[in-house]
C-alpha cells in the first residue's frame, strides 16, 4: 500500500489499529513499512526528517510494549529531534528509562513531559479523536489546569 492520507501512509493507520488490539509485532511491522515508504519518497532527507515524527513515536511505543526499552528510547529521541518539546514522547521515554532502571533520568524526563503538557500530538484530527497512547489530551486529568487554592 503506497497511498497517503493527510500526512501519513495507510500503513501508519493500519499500525495504529494493531496497536489498539495489543498486537505489537504487527503494529511494528506496518510502522516499519511506513518508514521505508517515506524513506523512498524523501531519499535525500536525513532519517529523522524523511519519516514523520509520529511514525518514530509509535515505533517507540511498539518497542516499549515489546519491552525493548533501549530501542524505544532511540525511537522517542528521533521523534524529539523534530518535535523537541513533544510531551507524549518524553512521557513514554521516561517509562522506558524506568524499565532500564535509570530512575533519576526517568523522573527528570517525566517532569519535563509534565512541563510541556501543552505540546501533545498535533495532528489535524486531534480535536475530534484521542490518539492511541496520547498521554496528554483534553480529557486527561494530567493535562487539565488544576484549580488554584486561595
C-alpha atoms as a PDB file:
ATOM      1  CA  UNK A   1       0.000   0.000   0.000  1.00  0.00           C
ATOM      2  CA  UNK A   2       1.732   3.115  -1.196  1.00  0.00           C
ATOM      3  CA  UNK A   3      -1.004   5.630  -0.519  1.00  0.00           C
ATOM      4  CA  UNK A   4      -1.166   8.500   1.940  1.00  0.00           C
ATOM      5  CA  UNK A   5      -3.960  10.142   3.905  1.00  0.00           C
ATOM      6  CA  UNK A   6      -3.189  13.610   5.215  1.00  0.00           C
ATOM      7  CA  UNK A   7       0.472  13.333   6.398  1.00  0.00           C
ATOM      8  CA  UNK A   8       0.626   9.582   6.880  1.00  0.00           C
ATOM      9  CA  UNK A   9       0.795   6.380   4.920  1.00  0.00           C
ATOM     10  CA  UNK A  10      -2.004   3.838   5.021  1.00  0.00           C
ATOM     11  CA  UNK A  11       0.497   1.536   6.713  1.00  0.00           C
ATOM     12  CA  UNK A  12       0.725   4.033   9.584  1.00  0.00           C
ATOM     13  CA  UNK A  13      -3.029   3.892  10.159  1.00  0.00           C
ATOM     14  CA  UNK A  14      -3.071   0.100   9.928  1.00  0.00           C
ATOM     15  CA  UNK A  15      -0.316   0.046  12.565  1.00  0.00           C
ATOM     16  CA  UNK A  16      -2.463   2.170  14.893  1.00  0.00           C
ATOM     17  CA  UNK A  17      -5.249  -0.381  14.524  1.00  0.00           C
ATOM     18  CA  UNK A  18      -2.886  -3.181  15.532  1.00  0.00           C
ATOM     19  CA  UNK A  19      -1.603  -1.114  18.464  1.00  0.00           C
ATOM     20  CA  UNK A  20      -5.145  -0.766  19.767  1.00  0.00           C
ATOM     21  CA  UNK A  21      -5.552  -4.534  19.505  1.00  0.00           C
ATOM     22  CA  UNK A  22      -2.335  -5.051  21.542  1.00  0.00           C
ATOM     23  CA  UNK A  23      -0.791  -6.805  18.549  1.00  0.00           C
ATOM     24  CA  UNK A  24       2.537  -5.052  18.875  1.00  0.00           C
ATOM     25  CA  UNK A  25       4.605  -7.156  16.467  1.00  0.00           C
ATOM     26  CA  UNK A  26       2.122  -6.496  13.654  1.00  0.00           C
ATOM     27  CA  UNK A  27       1.968  -2.794  14.551  1.00  0.00           C
ATOM     28  CA  UNK A  28       5.754  -2.591  14.390  1.00  0.00           C
ATOM     29  CA  UNK A  29       5.825  -4.372  11.016  1.00  0.00           C
ATOM     30  CA  UNK A  30       3.398  -1.852   9.494  1.00  0.00           C
ATOM     31  CA  UNK A  31       5.263   1.091  11.023  1.00  0.00           C
ATOM     32  CA  UNK A  32       8.499  -0.208   9.527  1.00  0.00           C
ATOM     33  CA  UNK A  33       6.764  -0.432   6.135  1.00  0.00           C
ATOM     34  CA  UNK A  34       5.550   3.133   6.585  1.00  0.00           C
ATOM     35  CA  UNK A  35       9.059   4.302   7.494  1.00  0.00           C
ATOM     36  CA  UNK A  36      10.617   2.630   4.456  1.00  0.00           C
ATOM     37  CA  UNK A  37       7.916   4.063   2.209  1.00  0.00           C
ATOM     38  CA  UNK A  38       8.756   7.560   3.469  1.00  0.00           C
ATOM     39  CA  UNK A  39      12.493   6.974   3.068  1.00  0.00           C
ATOM     40  CA  UNK A  40      11.825   6.061  -0.577  1.00  0.00           C
ATOM     41  CA  UNK A  41       9.802   9.251  -1.027  1.00  0.00           C
ATOM     42  CA  UNK A  42      12.434  11.504   0.559  1.00  0.00           C
ATOM     43  CA  UNK A  43      15.772   9.805  -0.203  1.00  0.00           C
ATOM     44  CA  UNK A  44      17.869  12.955   0.277  1.00  0.00           C
ATOM     45  CA  UNK A  45      16.471  13.878   3.711  1.00  0.00           C
ATOM     46  CA  UNK A  46      18.052  12.741   6.979  1.00  0.00           C
ATOM     47  CA  UNK A  47      16.108   9.851   8.564  1.00  0.00           C
ATOM     48  CA  UNK A  48      14.524  11.934  11.323  1.00  0.00           C
ATOM     49  CA  UNK A  49      13.084  14.284   8.699  1.00  0.00           C
ATOM     50  CA  UNK A  50      12.290  11.774   5.960  1.00  0.00           C
ATOM     51  CA  UNK A  51       9.974   9.844   8.248  1.00  0.00           C
ATOM     52  CA  UNK A  52       7.183  11.658  10.136  1.00  0.00           C
ATOM     53  CA  UNK A  53       7.829  12.208  13.850  1.00  0.00           C
ATOM     54  CA  UNK A  54       4.614  10.326  14.668  1.00  0.00           C
ATOM     55  CA  UNK A  55       5.964   7.188  12.968  1.00  0.00           C
ATOM     56  CA  UNK A  56       9.063   7.432  15.177  1.00  0.00           C
ATOM     57  CA  UNK A  57       6.831   7.984  18.224  1.00  0.00           C
ATOM     58  CA  UNK A  58       4.716   4.913  17.532  1.00  0.00           C
ATOM     59  CA  UNK A  59       7.798   2.828  16.725  1.00  0.00           C
ATOM     60  CA  UNK A  60       8.958   3.817  20.216  1.00  0.00           C
ATOM     61  CA  UNK A  61       5.605   2.726  21.613  1.00  0.00           C
ATOM     62  CA  UNK A  62       5.850  -0.698  19.960  1.00  0.00           C
ATOM     63  CA  UNK A  63       9.386  -1.170  21.269  1.00  0.00           C
ATOM     64  CA  UNK A  64       8.264  -0.126  24.756  1.00  0.00           C
ATOM     65  CA  UNK A  65       5.351  -2.571  24.664  1.00  0.00           C
ATOM     66  CA  UNK A  66       7.714  -5.315  23.497  1.00  0.00           C
ATOM     67  CA  UNK A  67       9.990  -4.384  26.449  1.00  0.00           C
ATOM     68  CA  UNK A  68      12.800  -3.316  24.103  1.00  0.00           C
ATOM     69  CA  UNK A  69      13.341  -0.199  26.212  1.00  0.00           C
ATOM     70  CA  UNK A  70      16.691   0.895  24.770  1.00  0.00           C
ATOM     71  CA  UNK A  71      15.285   0.680  21.239  1.00  0.00           C
ATOM     72  CA  UNK A  72      12.176   2.555  22.356  1.00  0.00           C
ATOM     73  CA  UNK A  73      14.321   5.376  23.716  1.00  0.00           C
ATOM     74  CA  UNK A  74      16.107   5.646  20.360  1.00  0.00           C
ATOM     75  CA  UNK A  75      12.782   5.958  18.559  1.00  0.00           C
ATOM     76  CA  UNK A  76      11.462   8.576  21.005  1.00  0.00           C
ATOM     77  CA  UNK A  77      14.723  10.514  20.715  1.00  0.00           C
ATOM     78  CA  UNK A  78      14.389  10.513  16.920  1.00  0.00           C
ATOM     79  CA  UNK A  79      10.829  11.835  17.238  1.00  0.00           C
ATOM     80  CA  UNK A  80      12.112  14.502  19.629  1.00  0.00           C
ATOM     81  CA  UNK A  81      14.718  15.609  17.059  1.00  0.00           C
ATOM     82  CA  UNK A  82      11.851  17.012  15.005  1.00  0.00           C
ATOM     83  CA  UNK A  83       9.345  17.959  17.735  1.00  0.00           C
ATOM     84  CA  UNK A  84      11.694  18.793  20.592  1.00  0.00           C
ATOM     85  CA  UNK A  85       9.059  19.531  23.232  1.00  0.00           C
ATOM     86  CA  UNK A  86       6.735  16.610  22.370  1.00  0.00           C
ATOM     87  CA  UNK A  87       5.408  15.735  25.807  1.00  0.00           C
ATOM     88  CA  UNK A  88       3.974  12.333  24.899  1.00  0.00           C
ATOM     89  CA  UNK A  89       7.346  11.158  23.548  1.00  0.00           C
ATOM     90  CA  UNK A  90       9.022  12.380  26.754  1.00  0.00           C
ATOM     91  CA  UNK A  91       6.397  10.623  28.895  1.00  0.00           C
ATOM     92  CA  UNK A  92       6.933   7.219  27.264  1.00  0.00           C
ATOM     93  CA  UNK A  93      10.692   7.723  27.091  1.00  0.00           C
ATOM     94  CA  UNK A  94      10.537   8.130  30.892  1.00  0.00           C
ATOM     95  CA  UNK A  95       8.743   4.783  31.141  1.00  0.00           C
ATOM     96  CA  UNK A  96      11.491   3.161  29.048  1.00  0.00           C
ATOM     97  CA  UNK A  97      14.202   4.742  31.182  1.00  0.00           C
ATOM     98  CA  UNK A  98      12.452   3.429  34.274  1.00  0.00           C
ATOM     99  CA  UNK A  99      12.302  -0.016  32.645  1.00  0.00           C
ATOM    100  CA  UNK A 100      16.080   0.120  32.262  1.00  0.00           C
ATOM    101  CA  UNK A 101      16.478   1.044  35.937  1.00  0.00           C
ATOM    102  CA  UNK A 102      17.511   4.644  35.208  1.00  0.00           C
ATOM    103  CA  UNK A 103      15.213   6.073  37.877  1.00  0.00           C
ATOM    104  CA  UNK A 104      16.702   9.579  38.196  1.00  0.00           C
ATOM    105  CA  UNK A 105      16.797  10.172  34.451  1.00  0.00           C
ATOM    106  CA  UNK A 106      13.263   8.752  34.173  1.00  0.00           C
ATOM    107  CA  UNK A 107      11.993  11.160  36.840  1.00  0.00           C
ATOM    108  CA  UNK A 108      13.677  14.148  35.183  1.00  0.00           C
ATOM    109  CA  UNK A 109      12.238  13.176  31.789  1.00  0.00           C
ATOM    110  CA  UNK A 110       8.774  12.682  33.278  1.00  0.00           C
ATOM    111  CA  UNK A 111       8.957  16.111  34.951  1.00  0.00           C
ATOM    112  CA  UNK A 112       9.945  17.662  31.623  1.00  0.00           C
ATOM    113  CA  UNK A 113       6.965  15.949  29.970  1.00  0.00           C
ATOM    114  CA  UNK A 114       4.625  17.463  32.563  1.00  0.00           C
ATOM    115  CA  UNK A 115       6.182  20.910  31.994  1.00  0.00           C
ATOM    116  CA  UNK A 116       5.481  20.537  28.255  1.00  0.00           C
ATOM    117  CA  UNK A 117       1.984  19.060  28.622  1.00  0.00           C
ATOM    118  CA  UNK A 118       0.528  21.523  26.109  1.00  0.00           C
ATOM    119  CA  UNK A 119       2.790  20.121  23.361  1.00  0.00           C
ATOM    120  CA  UNK A 120       0.915  16.945  22.637  1.00  0.00           C
ATOM    121  CA  UNK A 121       0.031  15.223  19.376  1.00  0.00           C
ATOM    122  CA  UNK A 122      -0.869  17.993  16.971  1.00  0.00           C
ATOM    123  CA  UNK A 123      -2.497  16.082  14.130  1.00  0.00           C
ATOM    124  CA  UNK A 124      -5.416  17.717  12.304  1.00  0.00           C
ATOM    125  CA  UNK A 125      -7.935  15.227  13.750  1.00  0.00           C
ATOM    126  CA  UNK A 126      -6.718  15.574  17.354  1.00  0.00           C
ATOM    127  CA  UNK A 127      -9.655  17.839  18.196  1.00  0.00           C
ATOM    128  CA  UNK A 128     -12.080  15.036  17.330  1.00  0.00           C
ATOM    129  CA  UNK A 129     -10.203  11.964  18.423  1.00  0.00           C
ATOM    130  CA  UNK A 130      -7.728  10.966  21.096  1.00  0.00           C
ATOM    131  CA  UNK A 131      -4.835   9.123  19.522  1.00  0.00           C
ATOM    132  CA  UNK A 132      -3.672   5.801  20.961  1.00  0.00           C
ATOM    133  CA  UNK A 133      -1.156   6.355  23.773  1.00  0.00           C
ATOM    134  CA  UNK A 134      -1.807  10.086  23.831  1.00  0.00           C
ATOM    135  CA  UNK A 135      -0.903  10.763  27.453  1.00  0.00           C
ATOM    136  CA  UNK A 136      -1.738  14.451  27.373  1.00  0.00           C
ATOM    137  CA  UNK A 137      -5.086  15.397  25.839  1.00  0.00           C
ATOM    138  CA  UNK A 138      -8.157  17.442  26.614  1.00  0.00           C
ATOM    139  CA  UNK A 139      -9.759  14.691  28.727  1.00  0.00           C
ATOM    140  CA  UNK A 140      -6.646  13.737  30.678  1.00  0.00           C
ATOM    141  CA  UNK A 141      -6.541  14.939  34.264  1.00  0.00           C
ATOM    142  CA  UNK A 142      -2.779  15.431  33.890  1.00  0.00           C
ATOM    143  CA  UNK A 143      -3.449  17.866  31.043  1.00  0.00           C
ATOM    144  CA  UNK A 144      -6.175  19.965  32.614  1.00  0.00           C
ATOM    145  CA  UNK A 145      -5.373  23.021  34.656  1.00  0.00           C
ATOM    146  CA  UNK A 146      -5.639  22.184  38.331  1.00  0.00           C
ATOM    147  CA  UNK A 147      -7.665  24.666  40.435  1.00  0.00           C
ATOM    148  CA  UNK A 148      -5.601  27.085  42.465  1.00  0.00           C
ATOM    149  CA  UNK A 149      -6.135  27.019  46.237  1.00  0.00           C
ATOM    150  CA  UNK A 150      -6.550  30.525  47.604  1.00  0.00           C
END
